[in-house]
N, C-alpha and C. Protein backbone atom coordinates (compact mmCIF):
# COMPACT_ATOMS: atom_id res chain seq x y z
N MET A 1 -4.08 70.37 50.23
CA MET A 1 -2.81 70.94 50.20
C MET A 1 -3.07 72.42 49.45
N SER A 2 -2.30 73.42 50.21
CA SER A 2 -2.37 74.77 50.02
C SER A 2 -1.89 75.06 48.50
N GLU A 3 -2.57 75.90 47.86
CA GLU A 3 -2.25 76.32 46.40
C GLU A 3 -1.02 77.29 46.46
N VAL A 4 -0.83 77.97 47.64
CA VAL A 4 0.21 78.76 47.64
C VAL A 4 1.07 78.60 48.86
N ARG A 5 2.33 78.53 48.64
CA ARG A 5 3.23 78.22 49.97
C ARG A 5 4.42 79.12 49.81
N GLU A 6 4.76 79.62 50.94
CA GLU A 6 6.04 80.52 50.86
C GLU A 6 7.10 79.84 51.85
N PHE A 7 8.29 79.46 51.62
CA PHE A 7 9.29 79.07 52.63
C PHE A 7 10.32 80.20 52.68
N ARG A 8 10.78 80.37 53.74
CA ARG A 8 11.88 81.46 54.14
C ARG A 8 12.99 80.86 54.85
N ASP A 9 14.23 81.42 54.68
CA ASP A 9 15.30 81.07 55.30
C ASP A 9 16.29 82.39 55.35
N GLY A 10 15.97 83.02 56.69
CA GLY A 10 16.92 84.45 56.74
C GLY A 10 16.13 85.45 55.74
N GLU A 11 17.09 86.08 54.84
CA GLU A 11 16.40 86.84 53.93
C GLU A 11 16.12 86.41 52.54
N ALA A 12 16.28 84.84 52.42
CA ALA A 12 15.94 84.43 51.23
C ALA A 12 14.57 83.79 51.38
N SER A 13 13.92 83.55 50.20
CA SER A 13 12.38 82.89 50.23
C SER A 13 12.24 82.41 48.85
N VAL A 14 11.25 81.44 48.83
CA VAL A 14 10.62 80.93 47.46
C VAL A 14 8.90 80.92 47.91
N VAL A 15 8.30 81.34 46.67
CA VAL A 15 6.95 81.25 46.70
C VAL A 15 6.42 80.31 45.56
N LEU A 16 5.84 79.55 46.05
CA LEU A 16 5.12 78.39 45.27
C LEU A 16 3.74 78.59 45.01
N ASP A 17 3.53 78.93 43.75
CA ASP A 17 2.06 79.29 43.28
C ASP A 17 1.42 78.21 42.44
N ALA A 18 0.33 77.49 42.92
CA ALA A 18 -0.30 76.51 42.36
C ALA A 18 -1.92 76.96 41.95
N ARG A 19 -2.18 78.20 42.01
CA ARG A 19 -3.58 78.53 41.89
C ARG A 19 -4.20 78.41 40.49
N PHE A 20 -3.41 78.25 39.67
CA PHE A 20 -3.79 77.96 38.28
C PHE A 20 -3.86 76.52 37.70
N PRO A 21 -4.66 76.02 36.90
CA PRO A 21 -4.74 74.74 36.21
C PRO A 21 -3.48 74.50 35.48
N ALA A 22 -3.04 73.40 35.78
CA ALA A 22 -1.83 72.88 35.06
C ALA A 22 -0.50 73.64 34.86
N MET A 23 -0.34 74.49 35.98
CA MET A 23 0.69 75.26 36.22
C MET A 23 1.09 75.63 37.68
N VAL A 24 2.34 75.52 37.98
CA VAL A 24 3.00 75.87 39.14
C VAL A 24 4.26 77.09 38.67
N VAL A 25 3.93 78.13 39.62
CA VAL A 25 4.91 79.31 39.36
C VAL A 25 5.89 79.55 40.55
N CYS A 26 7.07 79.16 40.54
CA CYS A 26 7.84 79.19 41.60
C CYS A 26 8.87 80.56 41.69
N THR A 27 8.78 81.43 42.52
CA THR A 27 9.47 82.55 42.47
C THR A 27 10.53 82.72 43.49
N TYR A 28 11.75 82.78 43.17
CA TYR A 28 13.08 82.70 44.28
C TYR A 28 13.47 84.08 44.58
N PHE A 29 13.69 84.56 45.79
CA PHE A 29 14.22 85.83 46.29
C PHE A 29 15.63 85.46 47.09
N GLY A 30 16.50 86.19 46.89
CA GLY A 30 17.83 86.15 47.60
C GLY A 30 18.54 85.00 47.49
N LEU A 31 19.52 84.69 48.24
CA LEU A 31 20.43 83.54 48.00
C LEU A 31 19.90 82.44 48.45
N THR A 32 19.66 81.37 47.43
CA THR A 32 18.80 80.31 47.76
C THR A 32 19.77 79.42 48.61
N THR A 33 19.05 78.58 49.75
CA THR A 33 19.80 77.83 50.66
C THR A 33 19.46 76.37 50.57
N GLU A 34 20.18 75.56 51.28
CA GLU A 34 19.92 74.19 51.10
C GLU A 34 18.38 73.81 51.65
N LYS A 35 18.07 74.70 52.92
CA LYS A 35 16.84 74.45 53.61
C LYS A 35 15.73 74.76 52.53
N LEU A 36 15.75 76.15 51.81
CA LEU A 36 14.83 76.42 50.77
C LEU A 36 14.71 75.08 49.77
N VAL A 37 15.68 74.94 49.10
CA VAL A 37 15.78 73.80 48.02
C VAL A 37 15.03 72.50 48.68
N ARG A 38 15.33 72.00 49.77
CA ARG A 38 14.81 70.77 50.30
C ARG A 38 13.28 71.14 50.74
N GLU A 39 12.91 72.14 51.34
CA GLU A 39 11.37 72.39 51.40
C GLU A 39 10.67 72.64 50.03
N SER A 40 10.96 73.18 49.44
CA SER A 40 10.30 73.63 48.14
C SER A 40 10.20 72.27 47.34
N SER A 41 11.16 71.62 47.23
CA SER A 41 11.28 70.18 46.62
C SER A 41 10.27 69.29 47.31
N ALA A 42 10.21 69.35 48.58
CA ALA A 42 9.09 68.38 49.24
C ALA A 42 7.71 68.73 49.04
N TRP A 43 7.54 70.17 48.94
CA TRP A 43 6.10 70.55 48.49
C TRP A 43 5.85 70.26 47.18
N LEU A 44 6.80 70.56 46.21
CA LEU A 44 6.46 69.98 44.90
C LEU A 44 6.21 68.54 44.58
N ARG A 45 7.08 67.72 45.49
CA ARG A 45 6.90 66.22 45.37
C ARG A 45 5.46 65.94 45.90
N GLN A 46 5.12 66.57 46.94
CA GLN A 46 3.67 66.37 47.63
C GLN A 46 2.69 66.72 46.69
N TYR A 47 2.59 68.00 46.17
CA TYR A 47 1.74 68.59 45.21
C TYR A 47 1.59 67.64 43.89
N MET A 48 2.76 67.33 43.27
CA MET A 48 2.66 66.53 42.00
C MET A 48 2.20 64.96 42.40
N SER A 49 2.27 64.60 43.60
CA SER A 49 1.74 63.16 44.03
C SER A 49 0.25 63.25 44.21
N SER A 50 -0.06 64.43 44.61
CA SER A 50 -1.54 64.47 44.72
C SER A 50 -2.52 64.81 43.50
N LEU A 51 -1.87 64.95 42.34
CA LEU A 51 -2.46 65.26 41.13
C LEU A 51 -3.01 63.85 40.44
N PRO A 52 -4.04 63.98 39.86
CA PRO A 52 -4.53 62.67 38.97
C PRO A 52 -3.49 62.12 38.21
N SER A 53 -3.48 60.96 37.82
CA SER A 53 -2.30 60.47 36.96
C SER A 53 -2.50 60.89 35.66
N HIS A 54 -3.58 61.42 35.09
CA HIS A 54 -3.57 62.12 33.84
C HIS A 54 -3.33 63.73 33.76
N ALA A 55 -3.27 64.14 34.84
CA ALA A 55 -2.91 65.72 34.92
C ALA A 55 -1.79 66.04 34.24
N LYS A 56 -1.73 67.14 33.40
CA LYS A 56 -0.56 67.73 32.76
C LYS A 56 -0.28 69.02 33.40
N LEU A 57 1.27 69.37 33.52
CA LEU A 57 1.48 70.19 34.26
C LEU A 57 2.83 71.08 33.76
N VAL A 58 3.01 72.33 33.83
CA VAL A 58 4.25 73.05 33.51
C VAL A 58 4.56 73.83 34.75
N GLN A 59 5.84 74.15 34.78
CA GLN A 59 6.48 74.83 36.02
C GLN A 59 7.24 76.10 35.30
N VAL A 60 7.07 77.20 35.92
CA VAL A 60 7.80 78.43 35.76
C VAL A 60 8.42 78.69 36.86
N SER A 61 9.88 78.61 36.74
CA SER A 61 10.84 79.12 37.88
C SER A 61 11.41 80.50 37.62
N ASP A 62 11.08 81.39 38.44
CA ASP A 62 11.75 82.90 38.37
C ASP A 62 12.81 82.99 39.13
N THR A 63 14.14 82.99 38.63
CA THR A 63 15.13 83.38 39.64
C THR A 63 15.91 84.40 39.50
N ARG A 64 15.16 85.50 38.71
CA ARG A 64 15.71 86.81 38.52
C ARG A 64 16.35 87.48 39.83
N ALA A 65 15.72 87.14 40.94
CA ALA A 65 16.00 87.98 42.25
C ALA A 65 16.95 87.07 43.17
N VAL A 66 17.68 85.97 42.54
CA VAL A 66 18.77 85.13 43.05
C VAL A 66 20.23 85.90 42.44
N PRO A 67 20.90 86.31 43.41
CA PRO A 67 22.16 86.95 43.06
C PRO A 67 23.06 85.82 42.72
N THR A 68 23.29 84.73 43.08
CA THR A 68 24.33 83.65 42.87
C THR A 68 23.76 82.44 43.66
N SER A 69 24.46 81.33 43.63
CA SER A 69 24.19 80.23 44.46
C SER A 69 25.48 79.44 44.86
N ASP A 70 25.47 79.03 46.10
CA ASP A 70 26.55 78.21 46.47
C ASP A 70 26.67 77.04 45.71
N PRO A 71 27.82 76.48 45.43
CA PRO A 71 28.01 75.35 44.65
C PRO A 71 27.52 74.00 45.26
N LYS A 72 27.39 73.95 46.58
CA LYS A 72 26.86 72.99 47.41
C LYS A 72 25.38 72.85 47.27
N VAL A 73 24.73 74.15 47.27
CA VAL A 73 23.23 74.25 47.14
C VAL A 73 22.98 73.83 45.63
N ARG A 74 23.64 74.20 44.63
CA ARG A 74 23.49 73.69 43.31
C ARG A 74 23.35 72.40 43.08
N LYS A 75 24.47 71.72 43.74
CA LYS A 75 24.31 70.09 43.88
C LYS A 75 23.23 69.42 44.46
N ILE A 76 22.75 70.10 45.69
CA ILE A 76 21.64 69.67 46.13
C ILE A 76 20.31 69.89 45.25
N ALA A 77 20.31 71.03 44.65
CA ALA A 77 19.19 71.25 43.80
C ALA A 77 19.14 70.19 42.69
N ALA A 78 20.35 69.84 42.09
CA ALA A 78 20.42 68.91 41.14
C ALA A 78 19.94 67.41 41.61
N GLU A 79 20.28 67.09 42.81
CA GLU A 79 19.80 65.81 43.42
C GLU A 79 18.43 65.92 43.58
N GLU A 80 17.88 66.95 44.20
CA GLU A 80 16.26 67.16 44.38
C GLU A 80 15.89 67.02 42.97
N PHE A 81 16.00 67.68 41.96
CA PHE A 81 15.57 67.54 40.38
C PHE A 81 15.34 66.17 40.07
N LYS A 82 16.48 65.34 40.50
CA LYS A 82 16.59 64.05 39.91
C LYS A 82 15.53 63.21 40.57
N THR A 83 15.44 63.33 41.91
CA THR A 83 14.28 62.64 42.62
C THR A 83 12.90 63.20 42.28
N LEU A 84 12.69 64.21 41.85
CA LEU A 84 11.41 64.79 41.20
C LEU A 84 11.28 64.40 39.78
N GLU A 85 12.23 64.07 39.11
CA GLU A 85 12.21 63.83 37.47
C GLU A 85 11.00 62.75 37.28
N PRO A 86 11.00 61.56 37.74
CA PRO A 86 9.88 60.65 37.64
C PRO A 86 8.45 61.24 37.58
N LEU A 87 8.27 61.90 38.74
CA LEU A 87 6.97 62.64 38.72
C LEU A 87 6.54 63.62 37.69
N MET A 88 7.68 64.51 37.42
CA MET A 88 7.59 65.51 36.29
C MET A 88 7.16 64.83 35.02
N ARG A 89 8.05 63.67 34.66
CA ARG A 89 7.80 63.11 33.45
C ARG A 89 6.39 62.49 33.37
N ALA A 90 5.90 61.92 34.42
CA ALA A 90 4.60 61.30 34.72
C ALA A 90 3.59 62.30 34.24
N HIS A 91 3.81 63.66 34.69
CA HIS A 91 2.71 64.81 34.33
C HIS A 91 3.30 65.61 32.99
N ASP A 92 4.19 64.98 32.37
CA ASP A 92 4.78 65.97 31.30
C ASP A 92 5.17 67.26 31.59
N VAL A 93 6.02 67.34 32.49
CA VAL A 93 6.29 68.93 33.34
C VAL A 93 7.48 69.22 32.37
N ASP A 94 7.20 70.53 31.98
CA ASP A 94 8.47 71.24 31.31
C ASP A 94 8.80 72.19 32.66
N ILE A 95 9.92 72.58 32.49
CA ILE A 95 10.36 73.78 33.72
C ILE A 95 10.97 74.83 32.82
N ILE A 96 10.01 75.91 32.89
CA ILE A 96 10.66 77.21 32.17
C ILE A 96 11.26 77.93 33.28
N ILE A 97 12.63 78.16 33.03
CA ILE A 97 13.30 78.63 34.08
C ILE A 97 13.83 80.02 33.50
N ILE A 98 13.61 81.14 34.21
CA ILE A 98 13.84 82.65 33.86
C ILE A 98 15.24 82.85 34.43
N ILE A 99 16.28 83.09 33.53
CA ILE A 99 17.61 83.41 33.97
C ILE A 99 18.07 84.62 33.28
N ASN A 100 18.71 85.56 34.14
CA ASN A 100 19.32 86.60 33.86
C ASN A 100 20.55 86.56 32.72
N ASN A 101 21.24 85.62 32.86
CA ASN A 101 22.47 85.57 32.27
C ASN A 101 22.25 84.91 31.01
N GLY A 102 22.43 85.55 29.78
CA GLY A 102 22.33 85.01 28.53
C GLY A 102 23.11 83.85 28.09
N MET A 103 24.36 83.79 28.70
CA MET A 103 25.33 82.77 28.24
C MET A 103 24.90 81.39 29.00
N LEU A 104 24.31 81.63 30.24
CA LEU A 104 23.56 80.47 30.92
C LEU A 104 22.29 79.94 30.27
N ARG A 105 21.71 80.88 29.79
CA ARG A 105 20.35 80.47 28.99
C ARG A 105 20.76 79.64 27.82
N GLY A 106 21.79 80.25 27.01
CA GLY A 106 22.46 79.38 25.82
C GLY A 106 22.90 77.96 26.19
N ALA A 107 23.63 78.20 27.48
CA ALA A 107 24.06 76.58 27.76
C ALA A 107 23.00 75.71 28.13
N ILE A 108 21.87 76.15 28.68
CA ILE A 108 20.73 75.23 28.91
C ILE A 108 20.18 75.06 27.60
N THR A 109 19.93 75.63 26.72
CA THR A 109 19.40 75.29 25.45
C THR A 109 20.30 74.33 24.70
N ALA A 110 21.63 74.62 24.80
CA ALA A 110 22.50 73.58 24.08
C ALA A 110 22.32 72.21 24.88
N ILE A 111 22.29 72.18 26.12
CA ILE A 111 22.10 71.02 26.82
C ILE A 111 20.90 70.14 26.39
N SER A 112 19.97 71.12 26.41
CA SER A 112 18.50 70.26 25.98
C SER A 112 18.53 69.90 24.55
N TRP A 113 19.48 70.56 23.55
CA TRP A 113 19.52 69.94 22.26
C TRP A 113 20.25 68.84 22.44
N LEU A 114 21.43 68.64 23.03
CA LEU A 114 22.24 67.35 23.00
C LEU A 114 21.63 66.30 23.71
N THR A 115 20.81 66.53 24.72
CA THR A 115 19.89 65.45 25.37
C THR A 115 18.78 65.19 24.86
N ASN A 116 18.40 65.93 23.73
CA ASN A 116 17.01 65.63 23.33
C ASN A 116 15.88 65.64 24.01
N SER A 117 16.15 66.60 24.94
CA SER A 117 15.13 67.00 26.19
C SER A 117 14.56 68.39 26.11
N ARG A 118 13.26 68.52 26.41
CA ARG A 118 12.85 69.95 26.33
C ARG A 118 12.34 70.16 27.84
N MET A 119 12.86 69.11 28.65
CA MET A 119 12.24 69.39 29.98
C MET A 119 12.65 70.66 30.81
N LEU A 120 13.70 71.10 30.47
CA LEU A 120 14.33 72.29 31.00
C LEU A 120 14.55 73.43 29.94
N VAL A 121 13.64 74.62 29.93
CA VAL A 121 13.56 75.34 29.00
C VAL A 121 13.86 76.98 29.78
N PRO A 122 15.00 77.40 28.94
CA PRO A 122 15.31 78.63 29.58
C PRO A 122 14.42 79.98 29.05
N ALA A 123 14.26 81.02 29.70
CA ALA A 123 13.30 81.97 29.39
C ALA A 123 14.13 83.40 29.62
N LYS A 124 14.01 84.50 29.20
CA LYS A 124 14.75 85.66 29.38
C LYS A 124 13.91 86.60 30.48
N ASP A 125 12.56 86.38 30.53
CA ASP A 125 11.82 87.15 31.50
C ASP A 125 10.58 86.47 31.69
N LEU A 126 9.57 87.04 32.39
CA LEU A 126 8.33 86.55 32.77
C LEU A 126 7.43 86.29 31.61
N GLU A 127 7.30 87.37 30.86
CA GLU A 127 6.58 87.15 29.49
C GLU A 127 7.12 86.24 28.62
N ASP A 128 8.19 85.99 28.53
CA ASP A 128 8.73 84.93 27.57
C ASP A 128 8.49 83.53 28.29
N ALA A 129 8.60 83.54 29.54
CA ALA A 129 8.34 82.32 30.40
C ALA A 129 6.84 81.56 30.15
N PHE A 130 6.01 82.76 30.31
CA PHE A 130 4.64 82.54 30.11
C PHE A 130 4.05 81.83 28.59
N ARG A 131 4.82 82.75 27.72
CA ARG A 131 4.70 82.19 26.26
C ARG A 131 4.99 80.80 26.09
N LEU A 132 6.30 80.60 26.61
CA LEU A 132 6.83 79.19 26.40
C LEU A 132 5.87 78.15 27.19
N ALA A 133 5.35 78.62 28.47
CA ALA A 133 4.52 77.63 29.20
C ALA A 133 3.11 77.41 28.41
N GLY A 134 2.74 78.38 27.81
CA GLY A 134 1.68 78.09 26.87
C GLY A 134 1.71 77.34 25.87
N GLU A 135 2.91 77.40 25.04
CA GLU A 135 3.34 76.36 24.02
C GLU A 135 3.62 74.97 24.63
N SER A 136 4.26 74.85 25.91
CA SER A 136 4.27 73.75 26.35
C SER A 136 2.95 72.99 26.75
N LEU A 137 2.06 73.72 27.11
CA LEU A 137 0.62 73.01 27.56
C LEU A 137 -0.06 72.67 26.44
N ALA A 138 0.13 73.57 25.08
CA ALA A 138 -0.72 73.32 24.01
C ALA A 138 -0.24 71.82 23.47
N LYS A 139 0.98 71.27 23.57
CA LYS A 139 1.56 70.15 23.21
C LYS A 139 0.69 69.07 23.77
N VAL A 140 0.24 69.27 25.07
CA VAL A 140 -0.66 68.18 25.62
C VAL A 140 -2.04 68.52 25.80
N GLY A 141 -2.55 69.41 25.01
CA GLY A 141 -3.96 69.73 24.63
C GLY A 141 -4.55 70.47 26.00
N LYS A 142 -3.59 71.37 26.70
CA LYS A 142 -4.07 72.42 27.64
C LYS A 142 -3.62 73.60 27.32
N ALA A 143 -4.03 74.80 28.00
CA ALA A 143 -4.01 76.09 27.78
C ALA A 143 -3.79 76.78 29.14
N LEU A 144 -3.13 77.80 29.09
CA LEU A 144 -2.95 78.91 30.08
C LEU A 144 -4.41 79.47 30.43
N PRO A 145 -4.62 79.75 31.65
CA PRO A 145 -6.06 80.44 31.85
C PRO A 145 -6.26 81.69 31.07
N LEU A 146 -7.14 81.82 30.51
CA LEU A 146 -7.50 83.05 29.50
C LEU A 146 -7.09 84.30 30.10
N GLY A 147 -6.09 85.13 29.69
CA GLY A 147 -5.84 86.59 30.02
C GLY A 147 -4.53 86.23 30.87
N LEU A 148 -4.19 85.30 31.12
CA LEU A 148 -2.78 85.11 32.25
C LEU A 148 -1.78 85.03 31.19
N THR A 149 -0.84 86.01 31.67
CA THR A 149 0.47 86.39 30.68
C THR A 149 1.53 86.86 32.19
N GLY A 150 2.71 86.92 31.37
CA GLY A 150 3.76 87.44 32.41
C GLY A 150 3.46 88.92 32.77
N THR A 151 2.74 89.75 31.96
CA THR A 151 2.27 91.02 32.38
C THR A 151 1.21 91.11 33.50
N THR A 152 0.18 90.15 33.45
CA THR A 152 -1.07 89.92 34.34
C THR A 152 -0.65 89.14 35.56
N TYR A 153 0.27 88.25 35.51
CA TYR A 153 0.58 87.42 36.79
C TYR A 153 1.10 88.49 37.91
N ARG A 154 0.58 87.89 39.06
CA ARG A 154 0.92 88.72 40.27
C ARG A 154 1.19 87.62 41.28
N ILE A 155 2.51 87.78 41.92
CA ILE A 155 2.95 86.91 42.90
C ILE A 155 2.10 87.00 44.13
N PRO A 156 1.49 86.04 44.66
CA PRO A 156 0.64 85.79 45.78
C PRO A 156 0.98 86.17 47.08
N THR A 157 1.60 87.28 47.49
CA THR A 157 2.22 87.32 48.85
C THR A 157 1.89 88.98 49.23
N THR A 158 1.89 89.11 50.46
CA THR A 158 1.75 90.35 51.01
C THR A 158 3.17 91.09 51.13
N THR A 159 4.13 90.37 51.07
CA THR A 159 5.67 90.91 51.04
C THR A 159 5.88 91.38 49.88
N VAL A 160 6.48 92.78 49.67
CA VAL A 160 6.80 93.28 48.59
C VAL A 160 8.22 93.15 48.30
N ARG A 161 8.62 92.36 47.29
CA ARG A 161 9.91 92.25 46.74
C ARG A 161 10.41 92.56 45.39
N LYS A 162 11.54 92.88 45.20
CA LYS A 162 12.17 93.11 43.68
C LYS A 162 12.30 91.93 43.18
N THR A 163 11.85 91.79 41.86
CA THR A 163 12.03 90.31 41.02
C THR A 163 12.80 90.49 39.85
N GLY A 164 13.55 91.66 39.87
CA GLY A 164 14.54 91.61 38.77
C GLY A 164 14.30 92.84 37.89
């Protein structure tokens, strides 16, 4: 299975980067579509299914370059998340999600407190996300690769895009 995969639908795309041990970085660009949600979820499902049962993983999702999303697409994303949840729990996956909106970050934090789940963790930027990913991995005896931070990370694509 490819370590890097990019899915496109019109002007929108998602880059899925699994080059690093115990980590997948998902970077979204443009208005996310149903097609992108389904394709990226299928890739993540296949990727996680291919991991050894003892493998631990953290996911960083960078949504800073997504202006908004259609309610139908949000519903599909929630449904896909639900189908991925058993695999995520099997690999102790936390999802660190970068969100521009402070109120939305606060709402996600409140939901995680109320449900006693740290599976979905909000971050304000890439540096914060990588710090949180390192903390998440440390809980399961893993670490980010030496020198990998939000500042040193580079999206593996030849297409130049603005990420926020």
